[in-house]
């Protein structure tokens, strides 16, 4: 597996994990009890950017390491996944 392929797969995993991590620990302005004029109540009260980035990076690295181990040492690949659509021969 080339370095570019590894980086591309990691980026896709990181981006997917970001949307999983983003709502974790979310407290809205309404939950905080302080809603500035001109904003909606559901906006984040305190957005912790670096916490989200760090957690996303760690989880994506763990998932990518598992994928890399399965594909490199166990030989499991995309072709081993079962077919979802029936064969139209």
PDB file of N, CA and C in Angstrom:
ATOM      1  N   UNK A   1       0.858  -1.163   0.000  1.00  0.00           N
ATOM      2  CA  UNK A   1       0.000   0.000   0.000  1.00  0.00           C
ATOM      3  C   UNK A   1       0.909   1.232   0.000  1.00  0.00           C
ATOM      4  N   UNK A   2       0.662   2.134  -0.918  1.00  0.00           N
ATOM      5  CA  UNK A   2       1.510   3.313  -1.017  1.00  0.00           C
ATOM      6  C   UNK A   2       1.163   4.329   0.070  1.00  0.00           C
ATOM      7  N   UNK A   3       2.074   5.243   0.293  1.00  0.00           N
ATOM      8  CA  UNK A   3       1.895   6.265   1.324  1.00  0.00           C
ATOM      9  C   UNK A   3       0.713   7.176   1.003  1.00  0.00           C
ATOM     10  N   UNK A   4       0.510   7.461  -0.274  1.00  0.00           N
ATOM     11  CA  UNK A   4      -0.621   8.297  -0.679  1.00  0.00           C
ATOM     12  C   UNK A   4      -1.959   7.594  -0.413  1.00  0.00           C
ATOM     13  N   UNK A   5      -2.006   6.296  -0.648  1.00  0.00           N
ATOM     14  CA  UNK A   5      -3.216   5.529  -0.369  1.00  0.00           C
ATOM     15  C   UNK A   5      -3.509   5.490   1.126  1.00  0.00           C
ATOM     16  N   UNK A   6      -2.483   5.298   1.930  1.00  0.00           N
ATOM     17  CA  UNK A   6      -2.645   5.287   3.387  1.00  0.00           C
ATOM     18  C   UNK A   6      -3.171   6.633   3.869  1.00  0.00           C
ATOM     19  N   UNK A   7      -2.607   7.728   3.342  1.00  0.00           N
ATOM     20  CA  UNK A   7      -3.046   9.069   3.745  1.00  0.00           C
ATOM     21  C   UNK A   7      -4.485   9.338   3.298  1.00  0.00           C
ATOM     22  N   UNK A   8      -4.841   8.888   2.111  1.00  0.00           N
ATOM     23  CA  UNK A   8      -6.205   9.106   1.611  1.00  0.00           C
ATOM     24  C   UNK A   8      -7.229   8.335   2.439  1.00  0.00           C
ATOM     25  N   UNK A   9      -6.925   7.097   2.782  1.00  0.00           N
ATOM     26  CA  UNK A   9      -7.841   6.301   3.597  1.00  0.00           C
ATOM     27  C   UNK A   9      -7.959   6.906   4.989  1.00  0.00           C
ATOM     28  N   UNK A  10      -6.832   7.352   5.559  1.00  0.00           N
ATOM     29  CA  UNK A  10      -6.874   7.979   6.880  1.00  0.00           C
ATOM     30  C   UNK A  10      -7.725   9.250   6.853  1.00  0.00           C
ATOM     31  N   UNK A  11      -7.605  10.049   5.796  1.00  0.00           N
ATOM     32  CA  UNK A  11      -8.388  11.281   5.684  1.00  0.00           C
ATOM     33  C   UNK A  11      -9.880  10.980   5.624  1.00  0.00           C
ATOM     34  N   UNK A  12     -10.265   9.963   4.886  1.00  0.00           N
ATOM     35  CA  UNK A  12     -11.679   9.593   4.787  1.00  0.00           C
ATOM     36  C   UNK A  12     -12.195   9.112   6.139  1.00  0.00           C
ATOM     37  N   UNK A  13     -11.404   8.294   6.815  1.00  0.00           N
ATOM     38  CA  UNK A  13     -11.801   7.819   8.146  1.00  0.00           C
ATOM     39  C   UNK A  13     -11.882   8.991   9.114  1.00  0.00           C
ATOM     40  N   UNK A  14     -10.901   9.906   9.077  1.00  0.00           N
ATOM     41  CA  UNK A  14     -10.886  11.054   9.985  1.00  0.00           C
ATOM     42  C   UNK A  14     -12.132  11.913   9.778  1.00  0.00           C
ATOM     43  N   UNK A  15     -12.474  12.165   8.536  1.00  0.00           N
ATOM     44  CA  UNK A  15     -13.626  13.016   8.233  1.00  0.00           C
ATOM     45  C   UNK A  15     -14.926  12.364   8.700  1.00  0.00           C
ATOM     46  N   UNK A  16     -15.042  11.049   8.553  1.00  0.00           N
ATOM     47  CA  UNK A  16     -16.227  10.333   9.007  1.00  0.00           C
ATOM     48  C   UNK A  16     -16.318  10.342  10.533  1.00  0.00           C
ATOM     49  N   UNK A  17     -15.206  10.117  11.201  1.00  0.00           N
ATOM     50  CA  UNK A  17     -15.178  10.110  12.661  1.00  0.00           C
ATOM     51  C   UNK A  17     -15.473  11.503  13.205  1.00  0.00           C
ATOM     52  N   UNK A  18     -15.095  12.547  12.497  1.00  0.00           N
ATOM     53  CA  UNK A  18     -15.379  13.914  12.936  1.00  0.00           C
ATOM     54  C   UNK A  18     -16.877  14.114  13.168  1.00  0.00           C
ATOM     55  N   UNK A  19     -17.701  13.598  12.264  1.00  0.00           N
ATOM     56  CA  UNK A  19     -19.142  13.773  12.400  1.00  0.00           C
ATOM     57  C   UNK A  19     -19.729  12.895  13.509  1.00  0.00           C
ATOM     58  N   UNK A  20     -18.985  11.877  13.929  1.00  0.00           N
ATOM     59  CA  UNK A  20     -19.403  11.079  15.071  1.00  0.00           C
ATOM     60  C   UNK A  20     -19.031  11.785  16.371  1.00  0.00           C
ATOM     61  N   UNK A  21     -17.857  12.413  16.405  1.00  0.00           N
ATOM     62  CA  UNK A  21     -17.343  13.051  17.618  1.00  0.00           C
ATOM     63  C   UNK A  21     -17.978  14.419  17.861  1.00  0.00           C
ATOM     64  N   UNK A  22     -18.357  15.100  16.817  1.00  0.00           N
ATOM     65  CA  UNK A  22     -18.838  16.479  16.935  1.00  0.00           C
ATOM     66  C   UNK A  22     -19.972  16.672  17.941  1.00  0.00           C
ATOM     67  N   UNK A  23     -20.991  15.841  17.992  1.00  0.00           N
ATOM     68  CA  UNK A  23     -22.062  16.085  18.964  1.00  0.00           C
ATOM     69  C   UNK A  23     -21.752  15.614  20.389  1.00  0.00           C
ATOM     70  N   UNK A  24     -20.639  14.926  20.609  1.00  0.00           N
ATOM     71  CA  UNK A  24     -20.324  14.426  21.948  1.00  0.00           C
ATOM     72  C   UNK A  24     -20.025  15.589  22.892  1.00  0.00           C
ATOM     73  N   UNK A  25     -20.706  15.629  23.994  1.00  0.00           N
ATOM     74  CA  UNK A  25     -20.476  16.671  24.990  1.00  0.00           C
ATOM     75  C   UNK A  25     -20.986  18.042  24.585  1.00  0.00           C
ATOM     76  N   UNK A  26     -21.848  18.089  23.578  1.00  0.00           N
ATOM     77  CA  UNK A  26     -22.374  19.371  23.096  1.00  0.00           C
ATOM     78  C   UNK A  26     -23.340  19.966  24.116  1.00  0.00           C
ATOM     79  N   UNK A  27     -23.082  21.190  24.489  1.00  0.00           N
ATOM     80  CA  UNK A  27     -23.995  21.937  25.347  1.00  0.00           C
ATOM     81  C   UNK A  27     -24.366  23.211  24.603  1.00  0.00           C
ATOM     82  N   UNK A  28     -25.657  23.381  24.401  1.00  0.00           N
ATOM     83  CA  UNK A  28     -26.129  24.532  23.644  1.00  0.00           C
ATOM     84  C   UNK A  28     -26.129  25.779  24.517  1.00  0.00           C
ATOM     85  N   UNK A  29     -26.346  26.913  23.879  1.00  0.00           N
ATOM     86  CA  UNK A  29     -26.440  28.173  24.622  1.00  0.00           C
ATOM     87  C   UNK A  29     -27.630  28.130  25.570  1.00  0.00           C
ATOM     88  N   UNK A  30     -28.683  27.451  25.186  1.00  0.00           N
ATOM     89  CA  UNK A  30     -29.854  27.324  26.045  1.00  0.00           C
ATOM     90  C   UNK A  30     -29.509  26.494  27.289  1.00  0.00           C
ATOM     91  N   UNK A  31     -28.715  25.434  27.115  1.00  0.00           N
ATOM     92  CA  UNK A  31     -28.287  24.627  28.259  1.00  0.00           C
ATOM     93  C   UNK A  31     -27.405  25.435  29.207  1.00  0.00           C
ATOM     94  N   UNK A  32     -26.569  26.296  28.629  1.00  0.00           N
ATOM     95  CA  UNK A  32     -25.673  27.123  29.434  1.00  0.00           C
ATOM     96  C   UNK A  32     -26.430  28.249  30.136  1.00  0.00           C
ATOM     97  N   UNK A  33     -27.615  28.584  29.631  1.00  0.00           N
ATOM     98  CA  UNK A  33     -28.421  29.646  30.233  1.00  0.00           C
ATOM     99  C   UNK A  33     -28.050  31.040  29.780  1.00  0.00           C
ATOM    100  N   UNK A  34     -27.306  31.137  28.697  1.00  0.00           N
ATOM    101  CA  UNK A  34     -26.873  32.439  28.198  1.00  0.00           C
ATOM    102  C   UNK A  34     -26.993  32.449  26.679  1.00  0.00           C
ATOM    103  N   UNK A  35     -28.001  33.153  26.172  1.00  0.00           N
ATOM    104  CA  UNK A  35     -28.238  33.227  24.728  1.00  0.00           C
ATOM    105  C   UNK A  35     -28.054  34.674  24.290  1.00  0.00           C
ATOM    106  N   UNK A  36     -26.939  34.985  23.597  1.00  0.00           N
ATOM    107  CA  UNK A  36     -26.751  36.352  23.101  1.00  0.00           C
ATOM    108  C   UNK A  36     -27.805  36.713  22.052  1.00  0.00           C
ATOM    109  N   UNK A  37     -28.119  37.967  21.963  1.00  0.00           N
ATOM    110  CA  UNK A  37     -29.104  38.452  21.000  1.00  0.00           C
ATOM    111  C   UNK A  37     -28.578  38.200  19.584  1.00  0.00           C
ATOM    112  N   UNK A  38     -29.443  37.680  18.740  1.00  0.00           N
ATOM    113  CA  UNK A  38     -29.081  37.437  17.340  1.00  0.00           C
ATOM    114  C   UNK A  38     -28.582  36.035  17.069  1.00  0.00           C
ATOM    115  N   UNK A  39     -28.559  35.172  18.087  1.00  0.00           N
ATOM    116  CA  UNK A  39     -28.150  33.786  17.870  1.00  0.00           C
ATOM    117  C   UNK A  39     -29.286  32.854  18.261  1.00  0.00           C
ATOM    118  N   UNK A  40     -29.237  31.647  17.744  1.00  0.00           N
ATOM    119  CA  UNK A  40     -30.262  30.660  18.084  1.00  0.00           C
ATOM    120  C   UNK A  40     -29.869  29.933  19.362  1.00  0.00           C
ATOM    121  N   UNK A  41     -30.871  29.382  20.042  1.00  0.00           N
ATOM    122  CA  UNK A  41     -30.610  28.710  21.310  1.00  0.00           C
ATOM    123  C   UNK A  41     -29.791  27.434  21.138  1.00  0.00           C
ATOM    124  N   UNK A  42     -29.853  26.818  19.956  1.00  0.00           N
ATOM    125  CA  UNK A  42     -29.170  25.546  19.742  1.00  0.00           C
ATOM    126  C   UNK A  42     -27.694  25.704  19.366  1.00  0.00           C
ATOM    127  N   UNK A  43     -27.210  26.924  19.238  1.00  0.00           N
ATOM    128  CA  UNK A  43     -25.799  27.152  18.925  1.00  0.00           C
ATOM    129  C   UNK A  43     -24.938  26.692  20.104  1.00  0.00           C
ATOM    130  N   UNK A  44     -23.720  26.235  19.827  1.00  0.00           N
ATOM    131  CA  UNK A  44     -22.870  25.761  20.922  1.00  0.00           C
ATOM    132  C   UNK A  44     -22.591  26.862  21.941  1.00  0.00           C
ATOM    133  N   UNK A  45     -22.656  26.502  23.218  1.00  0.00           N
ATOM    134  CA  UNK A  45     -22.342  27.454  24.279  1.00  0.00           C
ATOM    135  C   UNK A  45     -20.856  27.750  24.309  1.00  0.00           C
ATOM    136  N   UNK A  46     -20.058  26.704  24.367  1.00  0.00           N
ATOM    137  CA  UNK A  46     -18.604  26.815  24.292  1.00  0.00           C
ATOM    138  C   UNK A  46     -18.118  25.701  23.373  1.00  0.00           C
ATOM    139  N   UNK A  47     -17.677  26.057  22.189  1.00  0.00           N
ATOM    140  CA  UNK A  47     -17.199  25.051  21.239  1.00  0.00           C
ATOM    141  C   UNK A  47     -15.727  24.786  21.520  1.00  0.00           C
ATOM    142  N   UNK A  48     -15.404  23.555  21.811  1.00  0.00           N
ATOM    143  CA  UNK A  48     -14.023  23.165  22.129  1.00  0.00           C
ATOM    144  C   UNK A  48     -13.389  22.534  20.902  1.00  0.00           C
ATOM    145  N   UNK A  49     -12.843  23.385  20.046  1.00  0.00           N
ATOM    146  CA  UNK A  49     -12.295  22.963  18.760  1.00  0.00           C
ATOM    147  C   UNK A  49     -11.165  21.949  18.931  1.00  0.00           C
ATOM    148  N   UNK A  50     -10.185  22.264  19.772  1.00  0.00           N
ATOM    149  CA  UNK A  50      -9.011  21.401  19.908  1.00  0.00           C
ATOM    150  C   UNK A  50      -9.354  20.065  20.550  1.00  0.00           C
ATOM    151  N   UNK A  51     -10.347  20.053  21.424  1.00  0.00           N
ATOM    152  CA  UNK A  51     -10.797  18.796  22.028  1.00  0.00           C
ATOM    153  C   UNK A  51     -11.404  17.896  20.953  1.00  0.00           C
ATOM    154  N   UNK A  52     -12.208  18.464  20.088  1.00  0.00           N
ATOM    155  CA  UNK A  52     -12.843  17.700  19.010  1.00  0.00           C
ATOM    156  C   UNK A  52     -11.786  17.186  18.034  1.00  0.00           C
ATOM    157  N   UNK A  53     -10.830  18.020  17.667  1.00  0.00           N
ATOM    158  CA  UNK A  53      -9.787  17.611  16.724  1.00  0.00           C
ATOM    159  C   UNK A  53      -8.918  16.507  17.317  1.00  0.00           C
ATOM    160  N   UNK A  54      -8.540  16.641  18.588  1.00  0.00           N
ATOM    161  CA  UNK A  54      -7.696  15.636  19.232  1.00  0.00           C
ATOM    162  C   UNK A  54      -8.422  14.294  19.358  1.00  0.00           C
ATOM    163  N   UNK A  55      -9.654  14.320  19.807  1.00  0.00           N
ATOM    164  CA  UNK A  55     -10.425  13.086  19.946  1.00  0.00           C
ATOM    165  C   UNK A  55     -10.664  12.428  18.590  1.00  0.00           C
ATOM    166  N   UNK A  56     -10.953  13.222  17.583  1.00  0.00           N
ATOM    167  CA  UNK A  56     -11.157  12.691  16.234  1.00  0.00           C
ATOM    168  C   UNK A  56      -9.879  12.054  15.707  1.00  0.00           C
ATOM    169  N   UNK A  57      -8.750  12.699  15.925  1.00  0.00           N
ATOM    170  CA  UNK A  57      -7.469  12.179  15.444  1.00  0.00           C
ATOM    171  C   UNK A  57      -7.117  10.860  16.115  1.00  0.00           C
ATOM    172  N   UNK A  58      -7.333  10.771  17.430  1.00  0.00           N
ATOM    173  CA  UNK A  58      -7.025   9.538  18.149  1.00  0.00           C
ATOM    174  C   UNK A  58      -7.922   8.396  17.697  1.00  0.00           C
ATOM    175  N   UNK A  59      -9.229   8.639  17.628  1.00  0.00           N
ATOM    176  CA  UNK A  59     -10.149   7.582  17.199  1.00  0.00           C
ATOM    177  C   UNK A  59      -9.899   7.157  15.755  1.00  0.00           C
ATOM    178  N   UNK A  60      -9.634   8.120  14.877  1.00  0.00           N
ATOM    179  CA  UNK A  60      -9.364   7.786  13.476  1.00  0.00           C
ATOM    180  C   UNK A  60      -8.071   6.991  13.341  1.00  0.00           C
ATOM    181  N   UNK A  61      -7.071   7.308  14.162  1.00  0.00           N
ATOM    182  CA  UNK A  61      -5.811   6.558  14.115  1.00  0.00           C
ATOM    183  C   UNK A  61      -6.029   5.117  14.569  1.00  0.00           C
ATOM    184  N   UNK A  62      -6.837   4.910  15.601  1.00  0.00           N
ATOM    185  CA  UNK A  62      -7.122   3.554  16.069  1.00  0.00           C
ATOM    186  C   UNK A  62      -7.894   2.746  15.018  1.00  0.00           C
ATOM    187  N   UNK A  63      -8.896   3.368  14.415  1.00  0.00           N
ATOM    188  CA  UNK A  63      -9.674   2.683  13.374  1.00  0.00           C
ATOM    189  C   UNK A  63      -8.801   2.381  12.161  1.00  0.00           C
ATOM    190  N   UNK A  64      -7.958   3.341  11.789  1.00  0.00           N
ATOM    191  CA  UNK A  64      -7.080   3.143  10.637  1.00  0.00           C
ATOM    192  C   UNK A  64      -6.053   2.051  10.917  1.00  0.00           C
ATOM    193  N   UNK A  65      -5.543   1.997  12.137  1.00  0.00           N
ATOM    194  CA  UNK A  65      -4.589   0.941  12.495  1.00  0.00           C
ATOM    195  C   UNK A  65      -5.256  -0.435  12.399  1.00  0.00           C
ATOM    196  N   UNK A  66      -6.507  -0.528  12.844  1.00  0.00           N
ATOM    197  CA  UNK A  66      -7.241  -1.787  12.709  1.00  0.00           C
ATOM    198  C   UNK A  66      -7.455  -2.169  11.265  1.00  0.00           C
ATOM    199  N   UNK A  67      -7.838  -1.196  10.448  1.00  0.00           N
ATOM    200  CA  UNK A  67      -8.023  -1.461   9.020  1.00  0.00           C
ATOM    201  C   UNK A  67      -6.714  -1.881   8.359  1.00  0.00           C
ATOM    202  N   UNK A  68      -5.640  -1.182   8.703  1.00  0.00           N
ATOM    203  CA  UNK A  68      -4.338  -1.489   8.109  1.00  0.00           C
ATOM    204  C   UNK A  68      -3.879  -2.898   8.492  1.00  0.00           C
ATOM    205  N   UNK A  69      -4.094  -3.264   9.763  1.00  0.00           N
ATOM    206  CA  UNK A  69      -3.715  -4.599  10.212  1.00  0.00           C
ATOM    207  C   UNK A  69      -4.537  -5.673   9.494  1.00  0.00           C
ATOM    208  N   UNK A  70      -5.834  -5.438   9.366  1.00  0.00           N
ATOM    209  CA  UNK A  70      -6.676  -6.417   8.670  1.00  0.00           C
ATOM    210  C   UNK A  70      -6.302  -6.549   7.201  1.00  0.00           C
ATOM    211  N   UNK A  71      -6.028  -5.431   6.547  1.00  0.00           N
ATOM    212  CA  UNK A  71      -5.744  -5.495   5.116  1.00  0.00           C
ATOM    213  C   UNK A  71      -4.328  -5.985   4.820  1.00  0.00           C
ATOM    214  N   UNK A  72      -3.383  -5.695   5.699  1.00  0.00           N
ATOM    215  CA  UNK A  72      -1.998  -6.077   5.434  1.00  0.00           C
ATOM    216  C   UNK A  72      -1.688  -7.492   5.901  1.00  0.00           C
ATOM    217  N   UNK A  73      -1.992  -7.790   7.161  1.00  0.00           N
ATOM    218  CA  UNK A  73      -1.586  -9.074   7.714  1.00  0.00           C
ATOM    219  C   UNK A  73      -2.649 -10.149   7.571  1.00  0.00           C
ATOM    220  N   UNK A  74      -3.906  -9.800   7.657  1.00  0.00           N
ATOM    221  CA  UNK A  74      -4.956 -10.808   7.546  1.00  0.00           C
ATOM    222  C   UNK A  74      -5.424 -10.991   6.105  1.00  0.00           C
ATOM    223  N   UNK A  75      -5.110 -10.055   5.233  1.00  0.00           N
ATOM    224  CA  UNK A  75      -5.473 -10.173   3.830  1.00  0.00           C
ATOM    225  C   UNK A  75      -6.926  -9.891   3.527  1.00  0.00           C
ATOM    226  N   UNK A  76      -7.621  -9.236   4.444  1.00  0.00           N
ATOM    227  CA  UNK A  76      -9.026  -8.896   4.238  1.00  0.00           C
ATOM    228  C   UNK A  76      -9.097  -7.609   3.437  1.00  0.00           C
ATOM    229  N   UNK A  77      -9.873  -7.614   2.367  1.00  0.00           N
ATOM    230  CA  UNK A  77     -10.003  -6.432   1.530  1.00  0.00           C
ATOM    231  C   UNK A  77     -11.444  -6.151   1.174  1.00  0.00           C
ATOM    232  N   UNK A  78     -11.640  -5.173   0.340  1.00  0.00           N
ATOM    233  CA  UNK A  78     -12.983  -4.787  -0.077  1.00  0.00           C
ATOM    234  C   UNK A  78     -13.645  -5.912  -0.865  1.00  0.00           C
ATOM    235  N   UNK A  79     -12.882  -6.669  -1.606  1.00  0.00           N
ATOM    236  CA  UNK A  79     -13.443  -7.762  -2.397  1.00  0.00           C
ATOM    237  C   UNK A  79     -14.006  -8.886  -1.523  1.00  0.00           C
ATOM    238  N   UNK A  80     -13.593  -8.930  -0.261  1.00  0.00           N
ATOM    239  CA  UNK A  80     -14.082  -9.963   0.650  1.00  0.00           C
ATOM    240  C   UNK A  80     -15.435  -9.630   1.261  1.00  0.00           C
ATOM    241  N   UNK A  81     -15.891  -8.410   1.105  1.00  0.00           N
ATOM    242  CA  UNK A  81     -17.198  -8.030   1.627  1.00  0.00           C
ATOM    243  C   UNK A  81     -18.286  -8.701   0.794  1.00  0.00           C
ATOM    244  N   UNK A  82     -19.380  -9.096   1.417  1.00  0.00           N
ATOM    245  CA  UNK A  82     -20.443  -9.739   0.640  1.00  0.00           C
ATOM    246  C   UNK A  82     -21.099  -8.751  -0.322  1.00  0.00           C
ATOM    247  N   UNK A  83     -21.616  -9.282  -1.406  1.00  0.00           N
ATOM    248  CA  UNK A  83     -22.295  -8.445  -2.391  1.00  0.00           C
ATOM    249  C   UNK A  83     -23.644  -8.000  -1.835  1.00  0.00           C
ATOM    250  N   UNK A  84     -23.923  -6.721  -1.974  1.00  0.00           N
ATOM    251  CA  UNK A  84     -25.193  -6.183  -1.497  1.00  0.00           C
ATOM    252  C   UNK A  84     -26.263  -6.316  -2.571  1.00  0.00           C
ATOM    253  N   UNK A  85     -25.904  -6.039  -3.805  1.00  0.00           N
ATOM    254  CA  UNK A  85     -26.838  -6.141  -4.913  1.00  0.00           C
ATOM    255  C   UNK A  85     -26.792  -7.527  -5.531  1.00  0.00           C
ATOM    256  N   UNK A  86     -27.904  -8.033  -5.975  1.00  0.00           N
ATOM    257  CA  UNK A  86     -27.890  -9.355  -6.619  1.00  0.00           C
ATOM    258  C   UNK A  86     -27.222  -9.267  -7.997  1.00  0.00           C
ATOM    259  N   UNK A  87     -26.719 -10.393  -8.451  1.00  0.00           N
ATOM    260  CA  UNK A  87     -26.082 -10.454  -9.764  1.00  0.00           C
ATOM    261  C   UNK A  87     -27.157 -10.493 -10.843  1.00  0.00           C
ATOM    262  N   UNK A  88     -27.050  -9.614 -11.815  1.00  0.00           N
ATOM    263  CA  UNK A  88     -27.992  -9.546 -12.924  1.00  0.00           C
ATOM    264  C   UNK A  88     -27.312 -10.110 -14.170  1.00  0.00           C
ATOM    265  N   UNK A  89     -27.225 -11.429 -14.244  1.00  0.00           N
ATOM    266  CA  UNK A  89     -26.567 -12.063 -15.396  1.00  0.00           C
ATOM    267  C   UNK A  89     -27.539 -12.398 -16.484  1.00  0.00           C
TER     268      UNK A  89
END
